[in-house]
Amino acid sequence: MKKIETFSGSEAIKEIKQCAKKGASEGLYDPSPRRLRVPLELVTDLLFGNVGDVVVEGADNLFKATEKTEENKGVIFATSHLTDVDVSTVASVVSKFKHIGVTVASTNMGLWHQRIPYKLVGMDNFFQVPYGRDSSAEKGAIDNKYTLPFNGDDYLGLQEKITDSGLSVITAAHNPMSNIGIKNNGELPEKAGKLAPHLSLATGATIIPVLMQVEGQKRNPNQLNDNAIHLKWLLGKKIVRVVFGETIKPSPDEVEAYANVSREASYSKAAREEQCRILEAFGGKAILGYMRDKYDLVLAA
């Protein structure tokens, strides 16, 4: 039987881990606790299964952005969400360099047994994004969750950890492709998510867009983007491509303007609409725009 190659065991990732280990020993990086790093790596390898090759582009952007400096105190890693593996994969890499927190849909913790993995590695490492479930969807359906209307006040605690503790955050750059009635066609959506640009504008933190593609994502465009582990997909070798983009830093004027709008958003409908417009424009141009430029159509097909 042929040996199954893992994501973390690939040459590209082993090189990155070596750089992280060396840098941490020199005081250059501040990695997450082992209690978080190890499970993230195990989960990533389990979900990916057999990996043929891992291609990492922009590793220097990762190394530079995660150095311990005042400028890099807290960094927002805005990942693509083309598969359900993207966020955990990027988290498994970045956790070797920075103390991170990961955002998860609140519905992922809806039942006691769903919370067990999070509790084992520390609930304080995860921050919930408010989601709801469609009661009209078929019972047990995996695609019946949806995001609730954006409210910046839901993330005040997370913002405080970014500004006061220098926490870096791994979050999706756009809504999951498995929302109700939406099929995963392996391509980026037109509309950006609001959380990554909000955290950046609300704290002044730097953003790094991270695009991740898995070979053949468009092979079955009618398949829902679910969490099921498909044996054929797991065993088949596949190329994984991870692109760390150049850093994006909001200007002081942008941060101030956003703060003014956010203060009024709690009581003004016009301000809430303006807040959403700012977030969608910033996220769409700076984050998704970069990912579209780097998207590899050949690999996706």
C-alpha atoms as a PDB file:
ATOM      1  CA  MET A   1       0.000   0.000   0.000  1.00  0.00           C
ATOM      2  CA  LYS A   2       1.324   3.419  -0.961  1.00  0.00           C
ATOM      3  CA  LYS A   3       2.139   5.809   1.837  1.00  0.00           C
ATOM      4  CA  ILE A   4      -0.343   8.655   2.393  1.00  0.00           C
ATOM      5  CA  GLU A   5       1.396  12.024   2.263  1.00  0.00           C
ATOM      6  CA  THR A   6       0.062  14.654   4.644  1.00  0.00           C
ATOM      7  CA  PHE A   7      -0.182  18.423   4.347  1.00  0.00           C
ATOM      8  CA  SER A   8       2.038  19.049   7.380  1.00  0.00           C
ATOM      9  CA  GLY A   9       4.558  16.477   6.151  1.00  0.00           C
ATOM     10  CA  SER A  10       5.055  18.139   2.761  1.00  0.00           C
ATOM     11  CA  GLU A  11       8.420  19.713   1.976  1.00  0.00           C
ATOM     12  CA  ALA A  12       6.957  23.222   1.670  1.00  0.00           C
ATOM     13  CA  ILE A  13       5.286  23.097   5.081  1.00  0.00           C
ATOM     14  CA  LYS A  14       8.276  21.434   6.761  1.00  0.00           C
ATOM     15  CA  GLU A  15      10.428  24.335   5.530  1.00  0.00           C
ATOM     16  CA  ILE A  16       7.982  26.846   6.959  1.00  0.00           C
ATOM     17  CA  LYS A  17       7.873  24.998  10.297  1.00  0.00           C
ATOM     18  CA  GLN A  18      11.666  25.033  10.454  1.00  0.00           C
ATOM     19  CA  CYS A  19      11.707  28.808   9.881  1.00  0.00           C
ATOM     20  CA  ALA A  20       9.096  29.253  12.601  1.00  0.00           C
ATOM     21  CA  LYS A  21      11.009  27.083  15.081  1.00  0.00           C
ATOM     22  CA  LYS A  22      14.290  28.864  14.425  1.00  0.00           C
ATOM     23  CA  GLY A  23      12.666  32.309  14.629  1.00  0.00           C
ATOM     24  CA  ALA A  24      10.850  31.446  17.860  1.00  0.00           C
ATOM     25  CA  SER A  25      14.129  30.320  19.453  1.00  0.00           C
ATOM     26  CA  GLU A  26      15.621  33.702  18.520  1.00  0.00           C
ATOM     27  CA  GLY A  27      12.659  35.621  19.966  1.00  0.00           C
ATOM     28  CA  LEU A  28      11.459  36.678  16.525  1.00  0.00           C
ATOM     29  CA  TYR A  29       8.088  34.926  16.709  1.00  0.00           C
ATOM     30  CA  ASP A  30       5.516  34.306  19.443  1.00  0.00           C
ATOM     31  CA  PRO A  31       3.794  30.997  18.543  1.00  0.00           C
ATOM     32  CA  SER A  32       0.484  29.800  19.928  1.00  0.00           C
ATOM     33  CA  PRO A  33       0.496  27.279  22.788  1.00  0.00           C
ATOM     34  CA  ARG A  34       1.273  23.691  21.791  1.00  0.00           C
ATOM     35  CA  ARG A  35      -2.184  22.753  23.060  1.00  0.00           C
ATOM     36  CA  LEU A  36      -3.624  24.622  20.060  1.00  0.00           C
ATOM     37  CA  ARG A  37      -0.898  24.073  17.452  1.00  0.00           C
ATOM     38  CA  VAL A  38      -0.853  20.268  17.585  1.00  0.00           C
ATOM     39  CA  PRO A  39      -4.642  19.678  17.265  1.00  0.00           C
ATOM     40  CA  LEU A  40      -4.861  22.180  14.388  1.00  0.00           C
ATOM     41  CA  GLU A  41      -2.174  20.269  12.510  1.00  0.00           C
ATOM     42  CA  LEU A  42      -3.845  16.909  13.196  1.00  0.00           C
ATOM     43  CA  VAL A  43      -7.258  18.167  12.057  1.00  0.00           C
ATOM     44  CA  THR A  44      -5.788  19.648   8.879  1.00  0.00           C
ATOM     45  CA  ASP A  45      -4.001  16.410   7.974  1.00  0.00           C
ATOM     46  CA  LEU A  46      -7.133  14.370   8.714  1.00  0.00           C
ATOM     47  CA  LEU A  47      -9.406  16.521   6.557  1.00  0.00           C
ATOM     48  CA  PHE A  48      -6.964  16.750   3.651  1.00  0.00           C
ATOM     49  CA  GLY A  49      -6.061  13.097   3.511  1.00  0.00           C
ATOM     50  CA  ASN A  50      -3.559  12.210   0.789  1.00  0.00           C
ATOM     51  CA  VAL A  51      -1.677  15.242  -0.553  1.00  0.00           C
ATOM     52  CA  GLY A  52       0.369  15.061  -3.740  1.00  0.00           C
ATOM     53  CA  ASP A  53       2.082  18.419  -3.430  1.00  0.00           C
ATOM     54  CA  VAL A  54       1.812  21.640  -1.446  1.00  0.00           C
ATOM     55  CA  VAL A  55       2.713  24.903  -3.146  1.00  0.00           C
ATOM     56  CA  VAL A  56       3.191  27.936  -0.898  1.00  0.00           C
ATOM     57  CA  GLU A  57       3.490  31.391  -2.463  1.00  0.00           C
ATOM     58  CA  GLY A  58       4.273  34.571  -0.550  1.00  0.00           C
ATOM     59  CA  ALA A  59       5.947  32.827   2.406  1.00  0.00           C
ATOM     60  CA  ASP A  60       8.110  35.941   2.886  1.00  0.00           C
ATOM     61  CA  ASN A  61       4.905  37.935   3.443  1.00  0.00           C
ATOM     62  CA  LEU A  62       4.003  35.514   6.239  1.00  0.00           C
ATOM     63  CA  PHE A  63       7.463  35.688   7.821  1.00  0.00           C
ATOM     64  CA  LYS A  64       7.571  39.488   7.758  1.00  0.00           C
ATOM     65  CA  ALA A  65       4.022  40.056   9.008  1.00  0.00           C
ATOM     66  CA  THR A  66       4.405  37.724  11.976  1.00  0.00           C
ATOM     67  CA  GLU A  67       7.646  39.173  13.363  1.00  0.00           C
ATOM     68  CA  LYS A  68       7.325  40.596  16.871  1.00  0.00           C
ATOM     69  CA  THR A  69       7.145  44.334  16.225  1.00  0.00           C
ATOM     70  CA  GLU A  70       4.792  47.089  17.348  1.00  0.00           C
ATOM     71  CA  GLU A  71       3.466  47.288  13.779  1.00  0.00           C
ATOM     72  CA  ASN A  72       2.630  43.560  13.729  1.00  0.00           C
ATOM     73  CA  LYS A  73       1.141  43.414  17.214  1.00  0.00           C
ATOM     74  CA  GLY A  74      -2.121  41.927  15.946  1.00  0.00           C
ATOM     75  CA  VAL A  75      -2.650  40.720  12.370  1.00  0.00           C
ATOM     76  CA  ILE A  76      -5.896  39.706  10.644  1.00  0.00           C
ATOM     77  CA  PHE A  77      -5.476  36.716   8.332  1.00  0.00           C
ATOM     78  CA  ALA A  78      -8.441  36.831   5.940  1.00  0.00           C
ATOM     79  CA  THR A  79      -8.662  33.383   4.360  1.00  0.00           C
ATOM     80  CA  SER A  80     -10.602  32.169   1.383  1.00  0.00           C
ATOM     81  CA  HIS A  81     -13.487  29.835   2.220  1.00  0.00           C
ATOM     82  CA  LEU A  82     -13.640  27.678  -0.904  1.00  0.00           C
ATOM     83  CA  THR A  83     -13.633  24.559   1.252  1.00  0.00           C
ATOM     84  CA  ASP A  84     -14.279  23.923   4.924  1.00  0.00           C
ATOM     85  CA  VAL A  85     -10.589  23.114   5.348  1.00  0.00           C
ATOM     86  CA  ASP A  86      -9.291  26.595   4.482  1.00  0.00           C
ATOM     87  CA  VAL A  87      -9.563  28.367   7.830  1.00  0.00           C
ATOM     88  CA  SER A  88      -8.175  25.495   9.929  1.00  0.00           C
ATOM     89  CA  THR A  89      -5.313  24.954   7.446  1.00  0.00           C
ATOM     90  CA  VAL A  90      -4.197  28.582   7.515  1.00  0.00           C
ATOM     91  CA  ALA A  91      -4.588  28.580  11.307  1.00  0.00           C
ATOM     92  CA  SER A  92      -2.352  25.499  11.578  1.00  0.00           C
ATOM     93  CA  VAL A  93       0.423  27.327   9.697  1.00  0.00           C
ATOM     94  CA  VAL A  94       0.118  30.774  11.298  1.00  0.00           C
ATOM     95  CA  SER A  95      -0.100  29.324  14.826  1.00  0.00           C
ATOM     96  CA  LYS A  96       3.576  28.339  14.480  1.00  0.00           C
ATOM     97  CA  PHE A  97       4.434  32.060  14.316  1.00  0.00           C
ATOM     98  CA  LYS A  98       1.781  34.005  16.225  1.00  0.00           C
ATOM     99  CA  HIS A  99      -0.567  33.664  19.160  1.00  0.00           C
ATOM    100  CA  ILE A 100      -3.845  33.305  17.296  1.00  0.00           C
ATOM    101  CA  GLY A 101      -7.581  33.182  17.772  1.00  0.00           C
ATOM    102  CA  VAL A 102      -9.928  31.557  15.260  1.00  0.00           C
ATOM    103  CA  THR A 103     -13.471  32.626  14.426  1.00  0.00           C
ATOM    104  CA  VAL A 104     -16.116  29.905  14.133  1.00  0.00           C
ATOM    105  CA  ALA A 105     -19.816  29.908  13.352  1.00  0.00           C
ATOM    106  CA  SER A 106     -21.878  29.892  16.546  1.00  0.00           C
ATOM    107  CA  THR A 107     -23.853  26.952  15.128  1.00  0.00           C
ATOM    108  CA  ASN A 108     -20.672  24.845  15.367  1.00  0.00           C
ATOM    109  CA  MET A 109     -21.124  24.913  19.131  1.00  0.00           C
ATOM    110  CA  GLY A 110     -24.853  24.414  19.208  1.00  0.00           C
ATOM    111  CA  LEU A 111     -24.746  20.959  20.810  1.00  0.00           C
ATOM    112  CA  TRP A 112     -22.643  19.715  23.728  1.00  0.00           C
ATOM    113  CA  HIS A 113     -20.728  17.138  21.669  1.00  0.00           C
ATOM    114  CA  GLN A 114     -19.840  19.793  19.063  1.00  0.00           C
ATOM    115  CA  ARG A 115     -18.160  21.859  21.775  1.00  0.00           C
ATOM    116  CA  ILE A 116     -15.889  19.038  22.975  1.00  0.00           C
ATOM    117  CA  PRO A 117     -13.028  19.584  20.449  1.00  0.00           C
ATOM    118  CA  TYR A 118     -13.013  23.316  21.186  1.00  0.00           C
ATOM    119  CA  LYS A 119     -12.972  22.723  24.935  1.00  0.00           C
ATOM    120  CA  LEU A 120     -10.087  20.273  24.639  1.00  0.00           C
ATOM    121  CA  VAL A 121      -7.824  22.870  23.015  1.00  0.00           C
ATOM    122  CA  GLY A 122      -9.205  25.850  24.947  1.00  0.00           C
ATOM    123  CA  MET A 123     -12.427  27.765  24.317  1.00  0.00           C
ATOM    124  CA  ASP A 124     -10.517  31.030  24.761  1.00  0.00           C
ATOM    125  CA  ASN A 125      -8.846  30.373  21.383  1.00  0.00           C
ATOM    126  CA  PHE A 126     -12.150  30.551  19.495  1.00  0.00           C
ATOM    127  CA  PHE A 127     -14.552  33.425  18.887  1.00  0.00           C
ATOM    128  CA  GLN A 128     -18.103  32.882  17.737  1.00  0.00           C
ATOM    129  CA  VAL A 129     -19.646  34.561  14.706  1.00  0.00           C
ATOM    130  CA  PRO A 130     -23.452  34.777  15.185  1.00  0.00           C
ATOM    131  CA  TYR A 131     -25.305  32.380  12.870  1.00  0.00           C
ATOM    132  CA  GLY A 132     -28.869  31.139  12.657  1.00  0.00           C
ATOM    133  CA  ARG A 133     -30.451  28.001  11.241  1.00  0.00           C
ATOM    134  CA  ASP A 134     -33.320  27.794   8.797  1.00  0.00           C
ATOM    135  CA  SER A 135     -36.081  25.866  10.570  1.00  0.00           C
ATOM    136  CA  SER A 136     -37.756  25.129   7.229  1.00  0.00           C
ATOM    137  CA  ALA A 137     -34.713  23.225   5.950  1.00  0.00           C
ATOM    138  CA  GLU A 138     -34.726  19.449   6.052  1.00  0.00           C
ATOM    139  CA  LYS A 139     -33.912  18.085   9.506  1.00  0.00           C
ATOM    140  CA  GLY A 140     -30.212  17.290   9.844  1.00  0.00           C
ATOM    141  CA  ALA A 141     -29.303  19.202   6.700  1.00  0.00           C
ATOM    142  CA  ILE A 142     -25.729  20.461   6.664  1.00  0.00           C
ATOM    143  CA  ASP A 143     -26.449  23.546   4.590  1.00  0.00           C
ATOM    144  CA  ASN A 144     -29.164  25.233   6.654  1.00  0.00           C
ATOM    145  CA  LYS A 145     -27.091  27.849   8.481  1.00  0.00           C
ATOM    146  CA  TYR A 146     -26.913  31.530   7.623  1.00  0.00           C
ATOM    147  CA  THR A 147     -25.166  34.598   8.993  1.00  0.00           C
ATOM    148  CA  LEU A 148     -27.169  37.014  11.102  1.00  0.00           C
ATOM    149  CA  PRO A 149     -27.136  40.762  10.300  1.00  0.00           C
ATOM    150  CA  PHE A 150     -23.724  42.256  11.034  1.00  0.00           C
ATOM    151  CA  ASN A 151     -23.331  44.048  14.366  1.00  0.00           C
ATOM    152  CA  GLY A 152     -19.894  45.383  15.270  1.00  0.00           C
ATOM    153  CA  ASP A 153     -20.764  45.268  18.987  1.00  0.00           C
ATOM    154  CA  ASP A 154     -20.660  41.452  18.812  1.00  0.00           C
ATOM    155  CA  TYR A 155     -16.872  41.662  18.424  1.00  0.00           C
ATOM    156  CA  LEU A 156     -15.887  44.236  21.051  1.00  0.00           C
ATOM    157  CA  GLY A 157     -14.207  41.553  23.168  1.00  0.00           C
ATOM    158  CA  LEU A 158     -12.214  40.259  20.217  1.00  0.00           C
ATOM    159  CA  GLN A 159     -11.172  43.799  19.251  1.00  0.00           C
ATOM    160  CA  GLU A 160      -9.918  44.360  22.781  1.00  0.00           C
ATOM    161  CA  LYS A 161      -7.735  41.237  22.570  1.00  0.00           C
ATOM    162  CA  ILE A 162      -6.266  42.456  19.266  1.00  0.00           C
ATOM    163  CA  THR A 163      -5.403  45.917  20.569  1.00  0.00           C
ATOM    164  CA  ASP A 164      -4.452  45.063  24.158  1.00  0.00           C
ATOM    165  CA  SER A 165      -2.963  41.571  23.875  1.00  0.00           C
ATOM    166  CA  GLY A 166      -1.703  41.615  20.288  1.00  0.00           C
ATOM    167  CA  LEU A 167      -3.852  38.626  19.341  1.00  0.00           C
ATOM    168  CA  SER A 168      -3.819  37.688  15.653  1.00  0.00           C
ATOM    169  CA  VAL A 169      -7.072  36.411  14.158  1.00  0.00           C
ATOM    170  CA  ILE A 170      -7.808  33.820  11.495  1.00  0.00           C
ATOM    171  CA  THR A 171     -11.182  34.443   9.874  1.00  0.00           C
ATOM    172  CA  ALA A 172     -12.925  33.854   6.559  1.00  0.00           C
ATOM    173  CA  ALA A 173     -12.773  36.627   3.967  1.00  0.00           C
ATOM    174  CA  HIS A 174     -16.282  35.817   2.803  1.00  0.00           C
ATOM    175  CA  ASN A 175     -19.305  33.821   3.872  1.00  0.00           C
ATOM    176  CA  PRO A 176     -19.082  30.023   3.576  1.00  0.00           C
ATOM    177  CA  MET A 177     -20.076  28.586   0.219  1.00  0.00           C
ATOM    178  CA  SER A 178     -22.461  26.191   1.965  1.00  0.00           C
ATOM    179  CA  ASN A 179     -25.133  28.732   2.876  1.00  0.00           C
ATOM    180  CA  ILE A 180     -28.732  27.750   2.259  1.00  0.00           C
ATOM    181  CA  GLY A 181     -29.418  26.990  -1.399  1.00  0.00           C
ATOM    182  CA  ILE A 182     -25.900  27.849  -2.568  1.00  0.00           C
ATOM    183  CA  LYS A 183     -23.812  25.206  -4.324  1.00  0.00           C
ATOM    184  CA  ASN A 184     -20.030  25.239  -4.117  1.00  0.00           C
ATOM    185  CA  ASN A 185     -18.576  25.874  -7.574  1.00  0.00           C
ATOM    186  CA  GLY A 186     -15.032  26.331  -6.285  1.00  0.00           C
ATOM    187  CA  GLU A 187     -14.917  30.038  -7.123  1.00  0.00           C
ATOM    188  CA  LEU A 188     -14.769  33.175  -5.018  1.00  0.00           C
ATOM    189  CA  PRO A 189     -18.083  34.986  -4.466  1.00  0.00           C
ATOM    190  CA  GLU A 190     -18.798  38.502  -5.612  1.00  0.00           C
ATOM    191  CA  LYS A 191     -19.517  39.787  -2.112  1.00  0.00           C
ATOM    192  CA  ALA A 192     -16.876  40.027   0.616  1.00  0.00           C
ATOM    193  CA  GLY A 193     -17.519  39.217   4.255  1.00  0.00           C
ATOM    194  CA  LYS A 194     -17.612  42.040   6.801  1.00  0.00           C
ATOM    195  CA  LEU A 195     -15.701  40.666   9.774  1.00  0.00           C
ATOM    196  CA  ALA A 196     -12.106  40.818   8.459  1.00  0.00           C
ATOM    197  CA  PRO A 197     -12.335  44.448   7.269  1.00  0.00           C
ATOM    198  CA  HIS A 198     -14.246  45.398  10.429  1.00  0.00           C
ATOM    199  CA  LEU A 199     -11.536  44.029  12.725  1.00  0.00           C
ATOM    200  CA  SER A 200      -8.877  45.837  10.705  1.00  0.00           C
ATOM    201  CA  LEU A 201     -10.661  49.200  10.554  1.00  0.00           C
ATOM    202  CA  ALA A 202     -11.835  49.012  14.179  1.00  0.00           C
ATOM    203  CA  THR A 203      -8.344  48.274  15.555  1.00  0.00           C
ATOM    204  CA  GLY A 204      -5.973  49.569  12.875  1.00  0.00           C
ATOM    205  CA  ALA A 205      -4.577  46.033  12.523  1.00  0.00           C
ATOM    206  CA  THR A 206      -2.885  44.839   9.346  1.00  0.00           C
ATOM    207  CA  ILE A 207      -4.698  42.365   7.077  1.00  0.00           C
ATOM    208  CA  ILE A 208      -3.085  39.553   5.087  1.00  0.00           C
ATOM    209  CA  PRO A 209      -5.346  37.956   2.455  1.00  0.00           C
ATOM    210  CA  VAL A 210      -4.697  34.209   2.184  1.00  0.00           C
ATOM    211  CA  LEU A 211      -5.978  32.299  -0.834  1.00  0.00           C
ATOM    212  CA  MET A 212      -6.123  28.516  -0.612  1.00  0.00           C
ATOM    213  CA  GLN A 213      -7.017  26.227  -3.493  1.00  0.00           C
ATOM    214  CA  VAL A 214      -7.302  22.469  -3.710  1.00  0.00           C
ATOM    215  CA  GLU A 215      -6.820  20.778  -7.068  1.00  0.00           C
ATOM    216  CA  GLY A 216     -10.090  20.010  -8.829  1.00  0.00           C
ATOM    217  CA  GLN A 217     -12.411  22.105  -6.696  1.00  0.00           C
ATOM    218  CA  LYS A 218     -14.669  22.588  -9.713  1.00  0.00           C
ATOM    219  CA  ARG A 219     -14.724  18.897 -10.640  1.00  0.00           C
ATOM    220  CA  ASN A 220     -18.173  18.461  -9.107  1.00  0.00           C
ATOM    221  CA  PRO A 221     -19.887  21.878  -9.076  1.00  0.00           C
ATOM    222  CA  ASN A 222     -23.175  20.408  -7.804  1.00  0.00           C
ATOM    223  CA  GLN A 223     -21.674  19.023  -4.600  1.00  0.00           C
ATOM    224  CA  LEU A 224     -22.513  21.001  -1.504  1.00  0.00           C
ATOM    225  CA  ASN A 225     -19.480  22.256   0.379  1.00  0.00           C
ATOM    226  CA  ASP A 226     -19.975  20.086   3.439  1.00  0.00           C
ATOM    227  CA  ASN A 227     -17.950  18.656   6.309  1.00  0.00           C
ATOM    228  CA  ALA A 228     -18.366  15.034   5.250  1.00  0.00           C
ATOM    229  CA  ILE A 229     -15.176  13.041   4.735  1.00  0.00           C
ATOM    230  CA  HIS A 230     -15.364  11.436   1.282  1.00  0.00           C
ATOM    231  CA  LEU A 231     -13.057   8.385   1.105  1.00  0.00           C
ATOM    232  CA  LYS A 232     -12.269   8.742  -2.615  1.00  0.00           C
ATOM    233  CA  TRP A 233     -11.300  12.400  -2.168  1.00  0.00           C
ATOM    234  CA  LEU A 234      -9.240  11.626   0.932  1.00  0.00           C
ATOM    235  CA  LEU A 235      -7.190   8.861  -0.683  1.00  0.00           C
ATOM    236  CA  GLY A 236      -6.671  10.563  -4.044  1.00  0.00           C
ATOM    237  CA  LYS A 237      -3.553  12.697  -4.282  1.00  0.00           C
ATOM    238  CA  LYS A 238      -4.210  16.378  -4.768  1.00  0.00           C
ATOM    239  CA  ILE A 239      -2.244  19.611  -5.118  1.00  0.00           C
ATOM    240  CA  VAL A 240      -2.827  22.228  -2.423  1.00  0.00           C
ATOM    241  CA  ARG A 241      -1.917  25.849  -3.146  1.00  0.00           C
ATOM    242  CA  VAL A 242      -1.626  28.482  -0.411  1.00  0.00           C
ATOM    243  CA  VAL A 243      -0.934  32.126  -1.270  1.00  0.00           C
ATOM    244  CA  PHE A 244      -0.041  34.618   1.473  1.00  0.00           C
ATOM    245  CA  GLY A 245      -0.707  38.086   0.106  1.00  0.00           C
ATOM    246  CA  GLU A 246       0.991  41.380   0.789  1.00  0.00           C
ATOM    247  CA  THR A 247      -0.095  43.207   3.917  1.00  0.00           C
ATOM    248  CA  ILE A 248      -2.939  45.714   3.785  1.00  0.00           C
ATOM    249  CA  LYS A 249      -2.917  48.487   6.380  1.00  0.00           C
ATOM    250  CA  PRO A 250      -5.821  50.935   6.764  1.00  0.00           C
ATOM    251  CA  SER A 251      -4.782  54.573   6.946  1.00  0.00           C
ATOM    252  CA  PRO A 252      -5.364  56.610  10.131  1.00  0.00           C
ATOM    253  CA  ASP A 253      -8.012  58.608   8.263  1.00  0.00           C
ATOM    254  CA  GLU A 254      -9.858  55.405   7.287  1.00  0.00           C
ATOM    255  CA  VAL A 255      -9.729  54.162  10.882  1.00  0.00           C
ATOM    256  CA  GLU A 256     -11.056  57.466  12.227  1.00  0.00           C
ATOM    257  CA  ALA A 257     -13.838  57.691   9.631  1.00  0.00           C
ATOM    258  CA  TYR A 258     -14.925  54.135  10.402  1.00  0.00           C
ATOM    259  CA  ALA A 259     -14.907  54.798  14.151  1.00  0.00           C
ATOM    260  CA  ASN A 260     -17.224  57.796  13.640  1.00  0.00           C
ATOM    261  CA  VAL A 261     -19.672  55.774  11.544  1.00  0.00           C
ATOM    262  CA  SER A 262     -19.558  52.810  13.956  1.00  0.00           C
ATOM    263  CA  ARG A 263     -20.488  55.007  16.930  1.00  0.00           C
ATOM    264  CA  GLU A 264     -23.633  56.149  15.115  1.00  0.00           C
ATOM    265  CA  ALA A 265     -24.504  52.670  13.793  1.00  0.00           C
ATOM    266  CA  SER A 266     -26.081  51.627  17.098  1.00  0.00           C
ATOM    267  CA  TYR A 267     -28.940  54.109  16.670  1.00  0.00           C
ATOM    268  CA  SER A 268     -28.902  55.250  13.035  1.00  0.00           C
ATOM    269  CA  LYS A 269     -30.066  53.123  10.114  1.00  0.00           C
ATOM    270  CA  ALA A 270     -28.235  55.401   7.683  1.00  0.00           C
ATOM    271  CA  ALA A 271     -25.003  54.932   9.650  1.00  0.00           C
ATOM    272  CA  ARG A 272     -25.456  51.140   9.655  1.00  0.00           C
ATOM    273  CA  GLU A 273     -25.903  51.173   5.900  1.00  0.00           C
ATOM    274  CA  GLU A 274     -22.805  53.359   5.517  1.00  0.00           C
ATOM    275  CA  GLN A 275     -20.852  51.028   7.806  1.00  0.00           C
ATOM    276  CA  CYS A 276     -21.782  48.020   5.654  1.00  0.00           C
ATOM    277  CA  ARG A 277     -20.895  49.920   2.478  1.00  0.00           C
ATOM    278  CA  ILE A 278     -17.429  50.748   3.860  1.00  0.00           C
ATOM    279  CA  LEU A 279     -16.821  47.142   4.915  1.00  0.00           C
ATOM    280  CA  GLU A 280     -17.981  45.639   1.625  1.00  0.00           C
ATOM    281  CA  ALA A 281     -15.893  48.118  -0.377  1.00  0.00           C
ATOM    282  CA  PHE A 282     -12.751  47.565   1.697  1.00  0.00           C
ATOM    283  CA  GLY A 283     -13.196  43.793   1.829  1.00  0.00           C
ATOM    284  CA  GLY A 284     -14.148  43.456  -1.809  1.00  0.00           C
ATOM    285  CA  LYS A 285     -11.319  45.520  -3.258  1.00  0.00           C
ATOM    286  CA  ALA A 286      -8.449  44.870  -0.864  1.00  0.00           C
ATOM    287  CA  ILE A 287      -9.130  41.248   0.036  1.00  0.00           C
ATOM    288  CA  LEU A 288     -11.296  39.480  -2.538  1.00  0.00           C
ATOM    289  CA  GLY A 289      -9.830  41.606  -5.334  1.00  0.00           C
ATOM    290  CA  TYR A 290      -6.367  40.280  -4.490  1.00  0.00           C
ATOM    291  CA  MET A 291      -7.619  36.698  -4.316  1.00  0.00           C
ATOM    292  CA  ARG A 292      -9.324  36.957  -7.712  1.00  0.00           C
ATOM    293  CA  ASP A 293      -6.085  38.185  -9.249  1.00  0.00           C
ATOM    294  CA  LYS A 294      -4.224  35.175  -7.807  1.00  0.00           C
ATOM    295  CA  TYR A 295      -6.945  32.552  -8.453  1.00  0.00           C
ATOM    296  CA  ASP A 296      -5.669  29.670 -10.593  1.00  0.00           C
ATOM    297  CA  LEU A 297      -8.433  28.573 -12.973  1.00  0.00           C
ATOM    298  CA  VAL A 298      -6.379  25.665 -14.311  1.00  0.00           C
ATOM    299  CA  LEU A 299      -5.810  24.192 -10.860  1.00  0.00           C
ATOM    300  CA  ALA A 300      -9.491  24.623  -9.966  1.00  0.00           C
ATOM    301  CA  ALA A 301     -10.618  22.756 -13.092  1.00  0.00           C
END
